[in-house]
Amino acid sequence: MSMLLLGSLFGVVTLLFMFSGAPIAFALGSVAVLFMAFFMPASALDTVTQNVYEEMASITLLSIPLFILKGAAIGKSRAGQDLYAAMHVWMGRVPGGLGIANVFACALFAAMAGSSPATCSAIGSAGIPEMRKRGYSPGFAAGIIAAGGTLGILLPPSITMILYAVAAEQSLGRLFLAGIAPGVLLVALFTVYAALRYRKEHGLAKAEFERTGAASALLASETFTTRQKFEMLPRVVPFVLLLIGVMVALYGGFATPSETAGLGALLALLLIATIYGVWRPKDVAPILASTLKESTMLMFIIGMSLLFSYVMSYLHISQAAAEWIVGMQLSKWVLLASVLLMVILLGFFLPPVSIILMTAPIILPPLKAAGFDLIWFGILMTIVMETGLIHPPVGLNIFVIKNIAPDIELRDIIWGVLPFVVLMLLAVLLICLVPAIATALPDAVMGALPTAVRPGSP
């Protein structure tokens, strides 16, 4: 059988299993085992468990359940609500401060928890009702939280980045650092949009009041005393210190990523026990159960995705596809645009975990041959995959918002998030034009890589 026919058959069978409604892990595992049975030596099926174990025997992957435990501990407490309340109080005098406070609260919580759905749920459960009570339109309120939640896969610690570092065989420390400045860029873009959108809605509400006398809650002003502001700090500062401490431990050379994840999880459990009194077995049990459930699901997807990639590599499908892409002799920027467009399309149907592990063997060799820095590309890919969390038909964050605010029409949520999708794509363009946004910080902290070819170099 020709490589073209084999590759086409592999792709078609994969799509059939994906669209059959089977869970992603079972779909990928079934395709892998099926092709092992028909196109690989008979003994291959006897080594399925060995192959999965060998593919997953990475100390870096050990950090995933520990980061999930850290996020679950923070997410199951009132940390999200307190963080939101503190941002609201401190930014109350800024025009559109409530919406901006939600953006900052999402960013900080995402950096602590590392989970987009957890961020949406924790901040949205308090933020969306408050914004709507203050007169924000339903779509605007939902869009802020859904987009802010996506920062969970870009700001360290990010499970998505851990998987990319494993798949691309890149430094996890450099990748985490590379995500900070683009994360700040996205927060800035979201903040500017929130302020402009608030000004527009405030102007419309003011015009309506002058015309009809109907006063919108958006026109009401609220002030907080200095005492109220400082009363909110004791519940928030420890978690910010936790975030800083974890980063210092990692980049100060005191701990590896896996050790840092364990340290962060332990400190998070101690903090919620001290601040919120969450220490009894009945309180801790839901945290451990949530961690076990999410870790098992995610590690199963990772294992089956790696087996899927192993079969592609053994049958030389990924190598042939990579050689074909290189053989097209596309200009480097056309190649990059094509790859990112493919990632966007895959984001319509697949979560970031599957996209990374399925496509890495195919897209990374041509990009590396074209001279692109794979750390820099990892940031672009992560931002593009962020858009998949808030655009239909999958759009996980959209359905999280719908769950916590069932009275908001799905149509309003979708229209509310679309401007943020545009802002994310604008961020991708800016990072392409100014690669230092992603590369300057890791080079400054960990030293420049002399062998790395920057995207803008000849």
Protein backbone atom coordinates (compact mmCIF):
# COMPACT_ATOMS: atom_id res chain seq x y z
CA MET A 1 0.00 0.00 0.00
CA SER A 2 1.34 3.44 -0.95
CA MET A 3 2.14 5.95 1.76
CA LEU A 4 -0.46 8.36 0.35
CA LEU A 5 -3.20 5.73 0.53
CA LEU A 6 -2.14 4.60 4.00
CA GLY A 7 -2.02 8.17 5.30
CA SER A 8 -5.41 8.98 3.76
CA LEU A 9 -6.92 5.83 5.26
CA PHE A 10 -5.45 6.69 8.66
CA GLY A 11 -6.94 10.20 8.50
CA VAL A 12 -10.38 9.04 7.37
CA VAL A 13 -10.60 6.34 10.06
CA THR A 14 -9.53 8.87 12.69
CA LEU A 15 -12.26 11.30 11.60
CA LEU A 16 -14.87 8.52 11.63
CA PHE A 17 -13.99 7.58 15.20
CA MET A 18 -13.88 11.25 16.28
CA PHE A 19 -17.32 12.00 14.87
CA SER A 20 -18.81 8.77 16.21
CA GLY A 21 -19.31 10.44 19.57
CA ALA A 22 -16.78 8.24 21.35
CA PRO A 23 -14.64 9.93 24.03
CA ILE A 24 -11.41 11.29 22.56
CA ALA A 25 -9.18 8.88 24.47
CA PHE A 26 -11.15 5.84 23.27
CA ALA A 27 -11.31 7.17 19.71
CA LEU A 28 -7.56 7.72 19.44
CA GLY A 29 -6.74 4.46 21.22
CA SER A 30 -9.11 2.49 18.98
CA VAL A 31 -7.54 3.91 15.80
CA ALA A 32 -4.05 3.14 17.10
CA VAL A 33 -4.88 -0.45 18.06
CA LEU A 34 -6.77 -1.02 14.78
CA PHE A 35 -3.79 0.02 12.65
CA MET A 36 -1.41 -1.91 14.88
CA ALA A 37 -3.48 -5.03 14.21
CA PHE A 38 -3.61 -4.64 10.42
CA PHE A 39 -0.40 -2.83 9.45
CA MET A 40 2.15 -3.68 12.12
CA PRO A 41 3.75 -6.99 13.19
CA ALA A 42 1.46 -9.32 15.14
CA SER A 43 3.62 -8.91 18.23
CA ALA A 44 2.85 -5.17 18.30
CA LEU A 45 -0.49 -5.72 20.04
CA ASP A 46 1.30 -7.56 22.83
CA THR A 47 3.31 -4.45 23.61
CA VAL A 48 0.49 -1.85 23.73
CA THR A 49 0.78 -1.36 27.49
CA GLN A 50 4.57 -1.26 27.29
CA ASN A 51 4.46 1.36 24.52
CA VAL A 52 2.02 3.55 26.45
CA TYR A 53 4.13 3.27 29.60
CA GLU A 54 7.35 4.11 27.78
CA GLU A 55 5.75 7.08 26.03
CA MET A 56 4.41 8.43 29.34
CA ALA A 57 7.54 7.73 31.40
CA SER A 58 8.40 11.42 31.60
CA ILE A 59 9.19 13.19 34.84
CA THR A 60 7.67 16.34 33.32
CA LEU A 61 4.26 14.68 33.01
CA LEU A 62 4.38 13.95 36.75
CA SER A 63 3.75 17.64 37.38
CA ILE A 64 0.31 17.52 35.71
CA PRO A 65 -1.66 15.80 38.52
CA LEU A 66 0.12 18.00 41.07
CA PHE A 67 -0.79 21.21 39.24
CA ILE A 68 -4.36 19.90 38.94
CA LEU A 69 -4.41 19.32 42.73
CA LYS A 70 -3.18 22.89 43.28
CA GLY A 71 -5.88 24.25 40.98
CA ALA A 72 -8.60 22.09 42.57
CA ALA A 73 -7.63 23.24 46.07
CA ILE A 74 -7.89 26.89 45.06
CA GLY A 75 -10.97 26.35 42.90
CA LYS A 76 -12.97 24.51 45.57
CA SER A 77 -12.38 27.29 48.11
CA ARG A 78 -13.72 30.85 48.12
CA ALA A 79 -10.40 32.11 46.75
CA GLY A 80 -11.92 32.98 43.38
CA GLN A 81 -14.77 35.00 44.89
CA ASP A 82 -12.41 36.79 47.29
CA LEU A 83 -9.97 37.56 44.49
CA TYR A 84 -12.78 38.98 42.38
CA ALA A 85 -14.15 41.03 45.30
CA ALA A 86 -10.71 42.51 46.00
CA MET A 87 -10.19 43.49 42.35
CA HIS A 88 -13.69 45.04 42.30
CA VAL A 89 -13.02 47.13 45.42
CA TRP A 90 -9.59 48.33 44.29
CA MET A 91 -10.70 49.22 40.73
CA GLY A 92 -14.13 50.62 41.60
CA ARG A 93 -13.25 54.19 40.60
CA VAL A 94 -11.91 53.25 37.15
CA PRO A 95 -14.45 53.68 34.30
CA GLY A 96 -15.49 50.15 33.43
CA GLY A 97 -13.61 49.06 36.53
CA LEU A 98 -15.93 46.14 37.24
CA GLY A 99 -15.26 44.55 33.85
CA ILE A 100 -11.54 45.30 34.14
CA ALA A 101 -11.53 43.81 37.64
CA ASN A 102 -12.94 40.59 36.22
CA VAL A 103 -10.18 40.46 33.58
CA PHE A 104 -7.47 40.90 36.25
CA ALA A 105 -9.17 38.42 38.58
CA CYS A 106 -9.32 35.84 35.78
CA ALA A 107 -5.63 36.39 34.97
CA LEU A 108 -4.48 36.00 38.58
CA PHE A 109 -6.72 33.01 39.25
CA ALA A 110 -5.65 31.36 35.99
CA ALA A 111 -2.00 31.80 36.96
CA MET A 112 -2.69 30.12 40.31
CA ALA A 113 -5.01 27.35 39.12
CA GLY A 114 -3.73 26.68 35.59
CA SER A 115 -7.21 25.65 34.42
CA SER A 116 -9.48 27.56 32.05
CA PRO A 117 -12.80 25.93 33.07
CA ALA A 118 -11.94 26.34 36.77
CA THR A 119 -11.20 30.03 36.21
CA CYS A 120 -14.48 30.58 34.37
CA SER A 121 -16.43 28.82 37.09
CA ALA A 122 -14.69 30.41 40.09
CA ILE A 123 -14.63 34.02 38.84
CA GLY A 124 -17.80 33.82 36.73
CA SER A 125 -20.01 32.55 39.54
CA ALA A 126 -19.38 35.83 41.38
CA GLY A 127 -18.48 38.17 38.51
CA ILE A 128 -21.32 37.58 36.04
CA PRO A 129 -24.20 38.21 38.50
CA GLU A 130 -22.43 41.31 39.81
CA MET A 131 -21.81 42.72 36.32
CA ARG A 132 -25.39 42.11 35.28
CA LYS A 133 -26.65 43.73 38.47
CA ARG A 134 -24.55 46.78 37.57
CA GLY A 135 -26.15 47.00 34.12
CA TYR A 136 -23.60 45.21 31.92
CA SER A 137 -25.19 43.48 28.93
CA PRO A 138 -25.38 39.67 29.26
CA GLY A 139 -23.12 39.01 26.26
CA PHE A 140 -20.48 41.49 27.43
CA ALA A 141 -20.40 40.00 30.94
CA ALA A 142 -20.19 36.45 29.61
CA GLY A 143 -17.52 37.36 27.04
CA ILE A 144 -15.21 38.89 29.66
CA ILE A 145 -15.27 35.78 31.85
CA ALA A 146 -15.05 33.26 28.98
CA ALA A 147 -12.09 35.07 27.40
CA GLY A 148 -10.39 35.72 30.74
CA GLY A 149 -10.65 32.01 31.51
CA THR A 150 -8.61 31.11 28.42
CA LEU A 151 -5.56 32.69 30.05
CA GLY A 152 -5.33 29.50 32.11
CA ILE A 153 -3.53 27.67 29.30
CA LEU A 154 -1.07 30.51 28.56
CA LEU A 155 0.00 31.84 31.95
CA PRO A 156 2.26 29.45 33.90
CA PRO A 157 1.73 26.90 35.30
CA SER A 158 -0.08 25.64 32.19
CA ILE A 159 -0.84 21.97 31.61
CA THR A 160 -1.08 22.66 27.88
CA MET A 161 2.46 24.06 27.89
CA ILE A 162 3.72 21.04 29.82
CA LEU A 163 2.42 18.77 27.07
CA TYR A 164 3.86 20.98 24.33
CA ALA A 165 7.26 20.94 26.07
CA VAL A 166 7.14 17.13 26.13
CA ALA A 167 5.97 16.81 22.51
CA ALA A 168 8.43 19.38 21.15
CA GLU A 169 11.27 18.32 23.47
CA GLN A 170 11.74 21.91 24.63
CA SER A 171 12.63 23.41 28.00
CA LEU A 172 9.52 23.73 30.17
CA GLY A 173 11.12 26.54 32.16
CA ARG A 174 11.76 28.61 29.02
CA LEU A 175 8.24 27.91 27.76
CA PHE A 176 6.66 29.05 31.03
CA LEU A 177 8.69 32.28 30.94
CA ALA A 178 7.85 32.84 27.27
CA GLY A 179 4.12 32.79 28.11
CA ILE A 180 4.24 35.60 30.68
CA ALA A 181 4.65 38.66 28.40
CA PRO A 182 2.09 37.43 25.81
CA GLY A 183 -0.27 36.74 28.72
CA VAL A 184 0.20 40.31 29.94
CA LEU A 185 -0.36 41.52 26.36
CA LEU A 186 -3.69 39.67 26.19
CA VAL A 187 -4.73 41.07 29.58
CA ALA A 188 -3.93 44.57 28.30
CA LEU A 189 -5.93 44.04 25.10
CA PHE A 190 -8.89 42.62 27.04
CA THR A 191 -8.71 45.53 29.48
CA VAL A 192 -8.71 48.17 26.74
CA TYR A 193 -11.65 46.49 25.02
CA ALA A 194 -13.57 46.21 28.32
CA ALA A 195 -13.06 49.93 28.98
CA LEU A 196 -14.12 50.93 25.45
CA ARG A 197 -17.13 48.61 25.47
CA TYR A 198 -18.17 49.96 28.88
CA ARG A 199 -17.92 53.53 27.59
CA LYS A 200 -20.16 52.62 24.66
CA GLU A 201 -22.77 50.89 26.85
CA HIS A 202 -22.59 53.72 29.39
CA GLY A 203 -23.17 56.28 26.62
CA LEU A 204 -26.18 54.35 25.33
CA ALA A 205 -27.60 54.07 28.86
CA LYS A 206 -27.11 57.81 29.42
CA ALA A 207 -28.82 58.66 26.13
CA GLU A 208 -31.72 56.37 27.02
CA PHE A 209 -32.06 58.07 30.40
CA GLU A 210 -32.11 61.53 28.81
CA ARG A 211 -34.72 60.42 26.30
CA THR A 212 -37.06 58.35 28.47
CA GLY A 213 -36.02 58.95 32.07
CA ALA A 214 -35.35 55.22 32.56
CA ALA A 215 -32.19 54.92 34.68
CA SER A 216 -29.90 51.98 34.04
CA ALA A 217 -27.89 50.42 36.82
CA LEU A 218 -24.89 51.18 34.63
CA LEU A 219 -25.26 54.88 35.52
CA ALA A 220 -24.98 54.28 39.26
CA SER A 221 -21.62 55.05 40.85
CA GLU A 222 -20.06 53.22 43.76
CA THR A 223 -17.14 54.21 45.95
CA PHE A 224 -15.14 52.27 48.51
CA THR A 225 -13.23 53.58 51.48
CA THR A 226 -9.53 52.98 52.01
CA ARG A 227 -10.43 50.79 54.97
CA GLN A 228 -12.67 48.59 52.81
CA LYS A 229 -9.87 48.21 50.29
CA PHE A 230 -7.27 47.11 52.82
CA GLU A 231 -9.74 44.76 54.53
CA MET A 232 -9.77 42.69 51.32
CA LEU A 233 -5.99 42.19 51.16
CA PRO A 234 -5.44 39.54 53.88
CA ARG A 235 -7.44 36.95 51.94
CA VAL A 236 -5.75 37.63 48.60
CA VAL A 237 -2.10 38.40 49.38
CA PRO A 238 -1.26 34.82 50.52
CA PHE A 239 -2.34 33.39 47.16
CA VAL A 240 -0.37 36.02 45.25
CA LEU A 241 2.64 35.15 47.41
CA LEU A 242 2.03 31.48 46.58
CA LEU A 243 2.19 32.31 42.88
CA ILE A 244 5.38 34.34 43.30
CA GLY A 245 6.95 31.70 45.55
CA VAL A 246 6.34 28.93 43.04
CA MET A 247 7.91 30.99 40.24
CA VAL A 248 10.92 31.90 42.40
CA ALA A 249 11.42 28.25 43.36
CA LEU A 250 11.33 27.21 39.70
CA TYR A 251 13.49 29.94 38.16
CA GLY A 252 15.76 30.41 41.15
CA GLY A 253 17.00 26.88 40.58
CA PHE A 254 15.62 25.63 43.90
CA ALA A 255 13.23 23.06 42.39
CA THR A 256 12.41 21.24 39.18
CA PRO A 257 8.98 21.76 37.53
CA SER A 258 7.66 18.56 39.13
CA GLU A 259 8.98 19.54 42.56
CA THR A 260 7.53 23.03 42.08
CA ALA A 261 4.14 21.52 41.26
CA GLY A 262 4.24 19.43 44.44
CA LEU A 263 5.31 22.45 46.49
CA GLY A 264 2.50 24.57 45.01
CA ALA A 265 -0.12 21.88 45.70
CA LEU A 266 1.02 21.47 49.31
CA LEU A 267 1.09 25.23 49.95
CA ALA A 268 -2.35 25.65 48.35
CA LEU A 269 -3.80 23.00 50.68
CA LEU A 270 -2.16 24.68 53.69
CA LEU A 271 -3.49 28.10 52.66
CA ILE A 272 -7.11 27.00 52.22
CA ALA A 273 -6.88 25.13 55.52
CA THR A 274 -5.57 28.25 57.29
CA ILE A 275 -7.67 30.92 55.60
CA TYR A 276 -10.93 29.10 54.85
CA GLY A 277 -10.85 26.29 57.40
CA VAL A 278 -10.87 23.63 54.68
CA TRP A 279 -9.03 20.84 56.50
CA ARG A 280 -11.61 18.31 57.63
CA PRO A 281 -11.79 15.04 55.66
CA LYS A 282 -15.30 15.88 54.41
CA ASP A 283 -13.95 19.21 53.07
CA VAL A 284 -10.78 17.82 51.50
CA ALA A 285 -12.44 14.74 49.97
CA PRO A 286 -14.15 16.67 47.10
CA ILE A 287 -10.79 18.29 46.25
CA LEU A 288 -9.01 14.94 46.08
CA ALA A 289 -11.91 13.33 44.18
CA SER A 290 -11.93 16.17 41.62
CA THR A 291 -8.15 15.90 41.21
CA LEU A 292 -8.30 12.13 40.76
CA LYS A 293 -11.13 12.35 38.20
CA GLU A 294 -9.55 15.11 36.11
CA SER A 295 -6.04 13.65 36.30
CA THR A 296 -7.22 10.19 35.27
CA MET A 297 -9.20 11.56 32.34
CA LEU A 298 -6.36 13.80 31.17
CA MET A 299 -3.61 11.18 31.58
CA PHE A 300 -5.76 8.66 29.69
CA ILE A 301 -6.13 11.13 26.82
CA ILE A 302 -2.38 11.79 26.91
CA GLY A 303 -1.54 8.07 26.91
CA MET A 304 -3.82 7.28 23.98
CA SER A 305 -2.63 10.36 22.07
CA LEU A 306 0.98 9.29 22.52
CA LEU A 307 0.11 5.74 21.36
CA PHE A 308 -1.65 7.30 18.36
CA SER A 309 1.49 9.33 17.58
CA TYR A 310 3.69 6.24 18.04
CA VAL A 311 1.67 4.31 15.45
CA MET A 312 1.84 7.26 13.02
CA SER A 313 5.60 7.38 13.47
CA TYR A 314 6.07 3.59 13.14
CA LEU A 315 4.09 3.56 9.90
CA HIS A 316 6.10 6.62 8.72
CA ILE A 317 2.89 8.61 8.22
CA SER A 318 4.05 11.59 10.26
CA GLN A 319 7.50 11.59 8.66
CA ALA A 320 6.03 11.37 5.16
CA ALA A 321 3.57 14.19 5.91
CA ALA A 322 6.39 16.35 7.28
CA GLU A 323 8.57 15.63 4.22
CA TRP A 324 5.65 16.47 1.94
CA ILE A 325 5.13 19.80 3.69
CA VAL A 326 8.84 20.62 3.43
CA GLY A 327 8.83 19.51 -0.22
CA MET A 328 6.13 22.08 -1.05
CA GLN A 329 8.83 24.73 -0.47
CA LEU A 330 6.40 27.25 0.95
CA SER A 331 7.77 30.52 2.24
CA LYS A 332 8.27 30.36 6.00
CA TRP A 333 5.41 32.76 6.76
CA VAL A 334 2.97 30.98 4.44
CA LEU A 335 3.94 27.73 6.17
CA LEU A 336 3.35 29.29 9.59
CA ALA A 337 -0.01 30.75 8.54
CA SER A 338 -1.11 27.40 7.11
CA VAL A 339 -0.16 25.55 10.30
CA LEU A 340 -1.96 28.07 12.54
CA LEU A 341 -5.05 27.92 10.31
CA MET A 342 -5.04 24.14 10.66
CA VAL A 343 -4.80 24.49 14.45
CA ILE A 344 -7.77 26.88 14.41
CA LEU A 345 -9.82 24.40 12.39
CA LEU A 346 -8.87 21.53 14.69
CA GLY A 347 -9.92 23.73 17.61
CA PHE A 348 -13.49 23.52 16.33
CA PHE A 349 -13.58 19.87 17.35
CA LEU A 350 -10.64 18.97 19.60
CA PRO A 351 -9.25 20.19 22.94
CA PRO A 352 -5.70 21.61 23.10
CA VAL A 353 -4.28 18.40 24.63
CA SER A 354 -5.24 16.29 21.62
CA ILE A 355 -4.25 18.94 19.09
CA ILE A 356 -0.71 19.16 20.46
CA LEU A 357 -0.03 15.44 20.74
CA MET A 358 -1.65 14.55 17.40
CA THR A 359 -0.08 17.28 15.27
CA ALA A 360 3.36 17.79 16.86
CA PRO A 361 5.11 14.96 14.93
CA ILE A 362 3.82 16.41 11.65
CA ILE A 363 4.08 20.19 12.02
CA LEU A 364 7.16 20.70 14.21
CA PRO A 365 9.85 19.24 11.87
CA PRO A 366 8.89 21.53 8.93
CA LEU A 367 8.68 24.56 11.23
CA LYS A 368 12.09 23.76 12.70
CA ALA A 369 13.51 23.26 9.20
CA ALA A 370 12.11 26.67 8.24
CA GLY A 371 14.14 28.23 11.04
CA PHE A 372 11.38 28.99 13.54
CA ASP A 373 12.10 28.98 17.27
CA LEU A 374 9.86 26.21 18.67
CA ILE A 375 9.50 28.00 22.02
CA TRP A 376 8.20 31.07 20.17
CA PHE A 377 5.91 28.91 18.04
CA GLY A 378 4.60 27.16 21.15
CA ILE A 379 3.28 30.49 22.42
CA LEU A 380 1.58 31.24 19.09
CA MET A 381 0.04 27.78 19.03
CA THR A 382 -1.19 28.14 22.61
CA ILE A 383 -2.90 31.47 21.89
CA VAL A 384 -4.53 30.07 18.76
CA MET A 385 -5.74 27.07 20.76
CA GLU A 386 -7.14 29.52 23.31
CA THR A 387 -9.56 30.72 20.64
CA GLY A 388 -10.84 27.14 20.38
CA LEU A 389 -11.99 27.38 24.00
CA ILE A 390 -14.38 30.23 23.19
CA HIS A 391 -15.57 29.66 19.66
CA PRO A 392 -18.27 27.16 18.63
CA PRO A 393 -19.03 24.34 18.13
CA VAL A 394 -16.91 22.90 20.99
CA GLY A 395 -15.95 26.09 22.87
CA LEU A 396 -15.60 24.54 26.32
CA ASN A 397 -15.64 27.88 28.15
CA ILE A 398 -18.87 28.85 26.40
CA PHE A 399 -20.65 25.89 27.94
CA VAL A 400 -19.08 26.52 31.35
CA ILE A 401 -20.56 30.04 31.22
CA LYS A 402 -23.91 28.66 30.09
CA ASN A 403 -23.84 26.30 33.07
CA ILE A 404 -23.17 29.00 35.67
CA ALA A 405 -25.47 31.58 33.99
CA PRO A 406 -28.25 29.50 32.37
CA ASP A 407 -30.49 32.55 31.84
CA ILE A 408 -28.02 34.04 29.30
CA GLU A 409 -28.87 32.96 25.78
CA LEU A 410 -26.18 30.89 24.05
CA ARG A 411 -26.44 33.31 21.12
CA ASP A 412 -25.54 36.24 23.40
CA ILE A 413 -22.56 34.36 24.85
CA ILE A 414 -21.19 33.57 21.38
CA TRP A 415 -21.56 37.17 20.16
CA GLY A 416 -20.00 38.34 23.41
CA VAL A 417 -16.83 36.28 22.96
CA LEU A 418 -16.20 36.98 19.27
CA PRO A 419 -14.45 40.36 19.86
CA PHE A 420 -12.07 38.58 22.22
CA VAL A 421 -11.28 35.99 19.52
CA VAL A 422 -10.30 38.89 17.25
CA LEU A 423 -8.10 40.33 20.01
CA MET A 424 -6.33 36.97 20.44
CA LEU A 425 -5.60 36.81 16.71
CA LEU A 426 -4.32 40.40 16.92
CA ALA A 427 -1.97 39.27 19.70
CA VAL A 428 -0.69 36.48 17.43
CA LEU A 429 0.01 39.05 14.71
CA LEU A 430 1.84 41.34 17.16
CA ILE A 431 4.02 38.47 18.40
CA CYS A 432 4.87 37.60 14.78
CA LEU A 433 5.86 41.21 14.11
CA VAL A 434 7.72 41.58 17.42
CA PRO A 435 9.05 38.10 18.37
CA ALA A 436 10.81 39.55 21.42
CA ILE A 437 7.42 39.70 23.17
CA ALA A 438 7.75 35.95 23.66
CA THR A 439 11.53 35.46 23.56
CA ALA A 440 12.99 38.39 25.52
CA LEU A 441 12.08 37.22 29.04
CA PRO A 442 13.33 33.61 28.76
CA ASP A 443 16.53 34.87 27.10
CA ALA A 444 17.06 37.42 29.88
CA VAL A 445 16.42 34.96 32.72
CA MET A 446 17.87 31.74 31.32
CA GLY A 447 20.24 33.06 28.67
CA ALA A 448 19.87 33.24 24.91
CA LEU A 449 20.15 30.05 22.93
CA PRO A 450 22.93 30.56 20.34
CA THR A 451 21.58 27.77 18.15
CA ALA A 452 18.04 29.14 18.08
CA VAL A 453 17.02 30.91 14.90
CA ARG A 454 14.60 33.73 15.65
CA PRO A 455 11.49 34.07 13.48
CA GLY A 456 12.58 37.36 12.01
CA SER A 457 16.07 36.22 11.07
CA PRO A 458 17.00 35.37 7.47
